[in-house]
Every structure is written in structure tokens, then in C-alpha cells.
Amino acid sequence: MLKRYYHLAKPGIVYGNVFTTIAGYLYASHWHVSISHFLATVAGIALVIASAAVFNNYIDRDIDRKMARTRERALVAGTVSVKAALLYATVLGLAGAYLLWKYVNPVTLGVALFGFVFYVVIYGVGKRASHWGTVVGSVSGAVPIVVGYTAVVDRLDPQALILFLILALWQMPHFYAIAMYRLNDYIEAGISVLPAKKGMRITKIYIVCYVVAFIIAMVSLFFFGHAGYVYLAGVLVVGIWWLVRAVRGFYAQDDAAWARKFFLSSLIVLVSFSILLAVAGALQA
């Protein structure tokens, strides 16, 4: 039974977002970490994200029934009741919000709730209405790194905006790759995604454009004086490597196979950037 509730909270999404939260925290704190404050930040945002994931599972029940990869989810299969899921989501959200308010700061709580509303409400509706719903989804996914940053500095500033832009831009190629290799699932569920709306080639052009914008956003931290040469060299290597893989998509004979590999490369990029950001914080101490 516990396993069902664990998977209902989409742990993969929680862990991935917590990783960027930690990177933002270490960058802002220059590794001068209060363990209790750090743990409250991580636990707080993890609970808020988990809550949003459960609410999203509730909203997407009708869609999940139509997609092969989601038909076995607890709310679709009936192994967890709707009432229990809603109570679970509410408890998770309130617990996370309490931790951020009580032990972190109100700014961070506000940022976390902003991401929560975008993911549960605006993205939940937007992805059904238009292929631009992906852009809306990128907003909520860019919030956790800002949570980590504001937990330390207790304010929103230009650095927070740059971090937000970096993660928002990263998510677009990441999401488009998912849409490409799972295109049939999305079509069956009636979800409008760019590959279905505009075709594979146009999606690849969008991917290349977003990767270029992502690289520019990453290096801007250096040019605005918020990171050093080690960070610059690292993100350029990572960014150019990803751009090369994006361009190779135009020569792929199997779009789905290429998209899956590109999706996996996006995870490597995210981990690499997060580590480089944390290192930049340590070197600026």
C-alpha cells in the first residue's frame, strides 16, 4: 500500500527537482550551510512538489486511462481512492508549506506556491488546450532552483531570474524530446503537442533554438559577474555538446529513437549544469 502512495507522488520528478534546489542552495550559500535550514528547504520543496504531483494525477485521470504508459497508475487502476489521494496531496502540501514558512522564509514559500499553482492549475489546463502548454509547464519546473537560491538570500534578484530562465529554457528541448518519442501516446490521449501539431522537423528546429538560448542563459551568469571561469568553461562544453546532439536530429533516420537518446542527454546536461553551479558557488566563497 505504501508503495502505491510513493509512486502516486511521482518520485522521479521530486528527486530531479530537489537536485536543482540543492544546486541553487549551494550556489547562493557558497557552501556555508546550516544543516537544519538546508534540510527544511529540501524537505519543504520536496513535499510541495509531491503534493502537486498527486493533484496532477487526480486531474489527469481521464488522460491517463488513454495512454499505455499511465494506465496502471493508482488512481486509474483504482488501487488508491480519489478521496484518499486528495487527502494525501493536501497533507503533503500543507506540511511542505509549513516547513518553508516556519524554518526558511516567506519569499521562498511564495516562490514554491507560485510553482505549485502553475503546475497544478495552469499547466493542468493549458496542456489540454494547446501545444503551448509545454511552455507553461516549463515555468513550474524552473521554480525549484529559485527556491534553493531564495532560501539563502531571502529575496528575488537578477541572479534568481537568470537561474529561472536557465531551467525554463532547458525544459523545452527536454519536453519536446519526450513528446517526440511518446507521440502516439499523446495523440491517443488527445493532448496537443508540438510534434503532432507542426511535425517532427519543426520540433527539431525549436529544439535547436531553445538549446542555443539555454547556452546563452547559462553563460550570462559569468558575464554578469556571478560565476567564474571554471563555470564558464564547463557550461560551454556541456552546452556545445548538447547543441551538437540536437543538430544531429536533422540527420536521424528514426526520429523516435533519436528523441529518446536526446531526452537522456538532457538529463546529463541538467546534472552537469547543477554540479557546475554548485562548484561556482564554492569557488566564489
Protein backbone atom coordinates (compact mmCIF):
# COMPACT_ATOMS: atom_id res chain seq x y z
CA MET A 1 0.00 0.00 0.00
CA LEU A 2 2.79 2.45 0.89
CA LYS A 3 4.40 1.78 -2.49
CA ARG A 4 1.24 2.94 -4.25
CA TYR A 5 1.28 6.26 -2.41
CA TYR A 6 5.00 6.62 -3.02
CA HIS A 7 4.59 6.30 -6.79
CA LEU A 8 1.48 8.50 -6.76
CA ALA A 9 3.78 11.40 -5.78
CA LYS A 10 5.93 10.88 -8.92
CA PRO A 11 9.24 10.38 -7.06
CA GLY A 12 11.34 10.77 -10.20
CA ILE A 13 10.05 14.30 -10.66
CA VAL A 14 10.51 15.06 -6.97
CA TYR A 15 14.12 13.86 -6.90
CA GLY A 16 15.05 15.69 -10.10
CA ASN A 17 13.65 18.97 -8.85
CA VAL A 18 15.19 18.57 -5.40
CA PHE A 19 18.56 18.12 -7.11
CA THR A 20 18.27 21.56 -8.74
CA THR A 21 17.06 23.02 -5.43
CA ILE A 22 20.24 21.76 -3.76
CA ALA A 23 22.34 23.27 -6.56
CA GLY A 24 20.66 26.65 -6.12
CA TYR A 25 21.13 26.48 -2.36
CA LEU A 26 24.83 25.60 -2.54
CA TYR A 27 25.42 28.28 -5.16
CA ALA A 28 23.79 31.01 -3.09
CA SER A 29 25.30 29.92 0.24
CA HIS A 30 28.82 29.35 -1.13
CA TRP A 31 28.66 26.06 0.77
CA HIS A 32 28.30 27.79 4.16
CA VAL A 33 25.37 25.55 5.06
CA SER A 34 23.20 25.42 8.14
CA ILE A 35 22.17 21.75 8.16
CA SER A 36 18.78 22.36 9.77
CA HIS A 37 17.96 25.20 7.37
CA PHE A 38 19.13 23.17 4.40
CA LEU A 39 17.07 20.12 5.39
CA ALA A 40 13.97 22.27 5.96
CA THR A 41 14.38 23.76 2.49
CA VAL A 42 14.84 20.40 0.79
CA ALA A 43 12.06 18.68 2.71
CA GLY A 44 9.70 21.62 2.25
CA ILE A 45 10.04 21.85 -1.51
CA ALA A 46 10.02 18.05 -1.88
CA LEU A 47 6.67 17.87 -0.08
CA VAL A 48 5.18 20.74 -2.11
CA ILE A 49 6.31 19.11 -5.38
CA ALA A 50 4.96 15.73 -4.26
CA SER A 51 1.64 17.37 -3.41
CA ALA A 52 1.47 18.98 -6.85
CA ALA A 53 2.24 15.62 -8.46
CA VAL A 54 -0.60 13.87 -6.63
CA PHE A 55 -3.05 16.64 -7.53
CA ASN A 56 -1.84 16.35 -11.13
CA ASN A 57 -2.52 12.61 -11.07
CA TYR A 58 -6.04 13.38 -9.88
CA ILE A 59 -6.64 15.94 -12.65
CA ASP A 60 -5.17 13.69 -15.36
CA ARG A 61 -7.18 10.56 -14.57
CA ASP A 62 -9.11 10.74 -17.84
CA ILE A 63 -5.95 11.26 -19.89
CA ASP A 64 -4.01 8.56 -18.07
CA ARG A 65 -6.66 5.96 -18.99
CA LYS A 66 -5.88 6.53 -22.68
CA MET A 67 -2.08 6.31 -22.52
CA ALA A 68 -0.32 2.95 -22.42
CA ARG A 69 2.41 4.08 -20.03
CA THR A 70 -0.03 5.56 -17.47
CA ARG A 71 -2.93 3.08 -17.46
CA GLU A 72 -1.58 1.33 -14.39
CA ARG A 73 -1.34 4.45 -12.22
CA ALA A 74 -3.06 4.06 -8.88
CA LEU A 75 -5.96 6.44 -9.49
CA VAL A 76 -6.69 4.90 -12.88
CA ALA A 77 -6.41 1.31 -11.65
CA GLY A 78 -8.44 2.14 -8.53
CA THR A 79 -5.80 0.90 -6.09
CA VAL A 80 -5.95 4.28 -4.33
CA SER A 81 -9.28 6.04 -3.92
CA VAL A 82 -9.83 9.59 -5.12
CA LYS A 83 -10.73 10.74 -1.61
CA ALA A 84 -7.56 9.23 -0.14
CA ALA A 85 -5.42 10.76 -2.90
CA LEU A 86 -6.84 14.24 -2.36
CA LEU A 87 -6.31 13.98 1.40
CA TYR A 88 -2.77 12.74 0.81
CA ALA A 89 -1.99 15.62 -1.57
CA THR A 90 -3.41 18.17 0.87
CA VAL A 91 -1.39 16.86 3.81
CA LEU A 92 1.80 16.83 1.73
CA GLY A 93 1.24 20.39 0.54
CA LEU A 94 0.40 21.80 3.95
CA ALA A 95 3.39 20.07 5.54
CA GLY A 96 5.75 21.42 2.89
CA ALA A 97 4.33 24.94 3.10
CA TYR A 98 4.65 24.91 6.89
CA LEU A 99 8.32 23.91 6.74
CA LEU A 100 9.14 26.65 4.24
CA TRP A 101 7.22 29.30 6.18
CA LYS A 102 8.39 28.33 9.65
CA TYR A 103 12.02 27.35 9.05
CA VAL A 104 13.04 29.02 5.78
CA ASN A 105 11.44 32.35 4.76
CA PRO A 106 8.19 33.78 3.28
CA VAL A 107 9.84 34.65 -0.05
CA THR A 108 10.77 31.02 -0.61
CA LEU A 109 7.29 29.87 0.36
CA GLY A 110 5.82 32.34 -2.14
CA VAL A 111 8.07 31.07 -4.92
CA ALA A 112 7.18 27.45 -4.13
CA LEU A 113 3.43 28.19 -4.11
CA PHE A 114 3.77 30.07 -7.40
CA GLY A 115 5.26 26.94 -8.96
CA PHE A 116 2.60 24.76 -7.35
CA VAL A 117 -0.27 26.81 -8.82
CA PHE A 118 1.35 26.91 -12.25
CA TYR A 119 1.83 23.15 -12.34
CA VAL A 120 -1.49 22.03 -10.88
CA VAL A 121 -3.86 24.63 -12.29
CA ILE A 122 -2.40 26.50 -15.27
CA TYR A 123 -0.34 23.67 -16.75
CA GLY A 124 -3.05 21.15 -15.90
CA VAL A 125 -5.48 23.09 -18.08
CA GLY A 126 -3.03 24.50 -20.62
CA LYS A 127 -1.63 21.21 -21.88
CA ARG A 128 -5.14 20.12 -22.89
CA ALA A 129 -5.89 23.30 -24.78
CA SER A 130 -2.74 24.00 -26.79
CA HIS A 131 0.73 22.75 -27.65
CA TRP A 132 1.94 25.90 -25.88
CA GLY A 133 1.06 24.14 -22.63
CA THR A 134 4.65 22.88 -22.67
CA VAL A 135 5.85 26.45 -22.24
CA VAL A 136 3.55 26.86 -19.26
CA GLY A 137 4.94 23.66 -17.77
CA SER A 138 8.48 24.98 -18.05
CA VAL A 139 7.59 27.76 -15.61
CA SER A 140 6.78 25.41 -12.74
CA GLY A 141 9.80 23.23 -13.48
CA ALA A 142 12.13 26.23 -13.22
CA VAL A 143 10.92 27.13 -9.72
CA PRO A 144 12.86 24.64 -7.51
CA ILE A 145 16.30 26.06 -8.32
CA VAL A 146 14.98 29.51 -7.40
CA VAL A 147 13.61 28.05 -4.16
CA GLY A 148 17.10 26.86 -3.28
CA TYR A 149 18.55 30.26 -4.08
CA THR A 150 15.96 32.38 -2.25
CA ALA A 151 16.12 30.10 0.79
CA VAL A 152 19.60 31.54 1.34
CA VAL A 153 19.35 35.15 0.14
CA ASP A 154 15.70 35.76 1.16
CA ARG A 155 14.94 37.87 -1.93
CA LEU A 156 14.27 37.74 -5.63
CA ASP A 157 17.05 39.41 -7.63
CA PRO A 158 18.63 39.28 -11.11
CA GLN A 159 20.54 36.10 -10.25
CA ALA A 160 17.29 34.38 -9.34
CA LEU A 161 15.83 35.46 -12.68
CA ILE A 162 18.81 34.07 -14.60
CA LEU A 163 18.57 30.73 -12.78
CA PHE A 164 14.87 30.64 -13.56
CA LEU A 165 15.50 31.31 -17.26
CA ILE A 166 18.21 28.67 -17.48
CA LEU A 167 15.94 25.94 -16.13
CA ALA A 168 12.90 27.11 -18.11
CA LEU A 169 14.89 27.04 -21.34
CA TRP A 170 16.40 23.63 -20.53
CA GLN A 171 12.96 22.11 -20.11
CA MET A 172 11.69 22.97 -23.57
CA PRO A 173 14.04 20.65 -25.54
CA HIS A 174 13.61 18.09 -22.75
CA PHE A 175 9.81 18.17 -23.08
CA TYR A 176 9.86 18.21 -26.89
CA ALA A 177 12.05 15.10 -26.92
CA ILE A 178 9.54 13.31 -24.68
CA ALA A 179 6.69 14.40 -26.95
CA MET A 180 8.55 13.05 -30.00
CA TYR A 181 9.30 9.56 -28.72
CA ARG A 182 5.94 9.21 -26.98
CA LEU A 183 3.96 10.87 -29.74
CA ASN A 184 1.46 8.05 -30.20
CA ASP A 185 0.54 8.15 -26.52
CA TYR A 186 -0.16 11.87 -26.67
CA ILE A 187 -2.21 11.52 -29.84
CA GLU A 188 -4.31 8.75 -28.26
CA ALA A 189 -4.91 10.92 -25.20
CA GLY A 190 -5.87 13.91 -27.32
CA ILE A 191 -3.09 16.10 -25.92
CA SER A 192 -1.83 18.75 -28.30
CA VAL A 193 1.97 18.63 -28.53
CA LEU A 194 4.26 20.35 -31.00
CA PRO A 195 5.32 17.24 -32.99
CA ALA A 196 1.68 16.37 -33.60
CA LYS A 197 0.74 19.94 -34.44
CA LYS A 198 3.73 21.10 -36.50
CA GLY A 199 5.64 17.94 -37.35
CA MET A 200 8.99 16.46 -36.38
CA ARG A 201 11.21 18.80 -38.42
CA ILE A 202 9.69 21.96 -36.94
CA THR A 203 10.05 20.44 -33.47
CA LYS A 204 13.74 19.81 -34.13
CA ILE A 205 14.17 23.44 -35.19
CA TYR A 206 12.52 24.55 -31.94
CA ILE A 207 14.84 22.24 -30.00
CA VAL A 208 17.97 23.73 -31.58
CA CYS A 209 16.74 27.28 -30.93
CA TYR A 210 15.99 26.54 -27.29
CA VAL A 211 19.36 24.83 -26.78
CA VAL A 212 21.11 27.94 -28.14
CA ALA A 213 19.05 30.16 -25.82
CA PHE A 214 19.86 27.82 -22.94
CA ILE A 215 23.60 28.17 -23.61
CA ILE A 216 23.31 31.97 -23.71
CA ALA A 217 21.41 31.97 -20.41
CA MET A 218 24.00 29.73 -18.75
CA VAL A 219 26.99 31.85 -19.80
CA SER A 220 25.20 35.05 -18.77
CA LEU A 221 25.89 34.17 -15.14
CA PHE A 222 29.59 34.59 -15.94
CA PHE A 223 29.23 37.78 -17.97
CA PHE A 224 27.17 39.42 -15.23
CA GLY A 225 29.89 38.55 -12.73
CA HIS A 226 28.01 35.82 -10.85
CA ALA A 227 30.29 32.89 -11.74
CA GLY A 228 33.92 32.31 -12.64
CA TYR A 229 35.99 30.85 -15.46
CA VAL A 230 35.67 27.25 -14.29
CA TYR A 231 31.91 27.55 -14.53
CA LEU A 232 32.13 29.25 -17.94
CA ALA A 233 34.39 26.57 -19.40
CA GLY A 234 32.21 23.80 -18.02
CA VAL A 235 28.87 25.10 -19.24
CA LEU A 236 30.29 25.87 -22.70
CA VAL A 237 31.48 22.28 -23.05
CA VAL A 238 28.15 20.92 -21.84
CA GLY A 239 26.10 23.34 -23.92
CA ILE A 240 28.00 22.77 -27.16
CA TRP A 241 27.87 19.00 -26.65
CA TRP A 242 24.09 19.22 -26.29
CA LEU A 243 23.78 21.50 -29.31
CA VAL A 244 25.71 19.03 -31.46
CA ARG A 245 23.36 16.25 -30.38
CA ALA A 246 20.39 18.49 -31.21
CA VAL A 247 21.67 19.24 -34.71
CA ARG A 248 22.22 15.52 -35.33
CA GLY A 249 18.47 15.13 -35.06
CA PHE A 250 18.10 16.51 -38.59
CA TYR A 251 20.05 13.52 -39.91
CA ALA A 252 18.30 10.87 -37.82
CA GLN A 253 16.60 8.06 -39.71
CA ASP A 254 14.46 7.10 -36.71
CA ASP A 255 13.04 10.20 -35.05
CA ALA A 256 11.67 8.36 -32.02
CA ALA A 257 14.97 6.62 -31.32
CA TRP A 258 16.90 9.87 -31.69
CA ALA A 259 14.43 11.72 -29.46
CA ARG A 260 14.79 9.15 -26.70
CA LYS A 261 18.57 9.46 -26.78
CA PHE A 262 18.28 13.24 -26.82
CA PHE A 263 15.95 13.06 -23.82
CA LEU A 264 18.60 11.07 -21.92
CA SER A 265 21.24 13.61 -22.93
CA SER A 266 19.06 16.37 -21.47
CA LEU A 267 19.26 14.65 -18.07
CA ILE A 268 23.06 14.56 -18.33
CA VAL A 269 23.02 18.28 -19.14
CA LEU A 270 20.82 19.07 -16.15
CA VAL A 271 23.03 17.14 -13.74
CA SER A 272 26.18 18.67 -15.22
CA PHE A 273 24.84 22.22 -15.01
CA SER A 274 23.68 21.70 -11.41
CA ILE A 275 27.11 20.43 -10.38
CA LEU A 276 28.88 23.28 -12.18
CA LEU A 277 26.58 25.81 -10.49
CA ALA A 278 27.30 24.33 -7.06
CA VAL A 279 31.04 24.39 -7.80
CA ALA A 280 30.76 28.02 -8.90
CA GLY A 281 29.26 28.82 -5.52
CA ALA A 282 32.13 27.11 -3.72
CA LEU A 283 34.76 28.94 -5.78
CA GLN A 284 33.15 32.30 -5.06
CA ALA A 285 33.21 31.75 -1.30
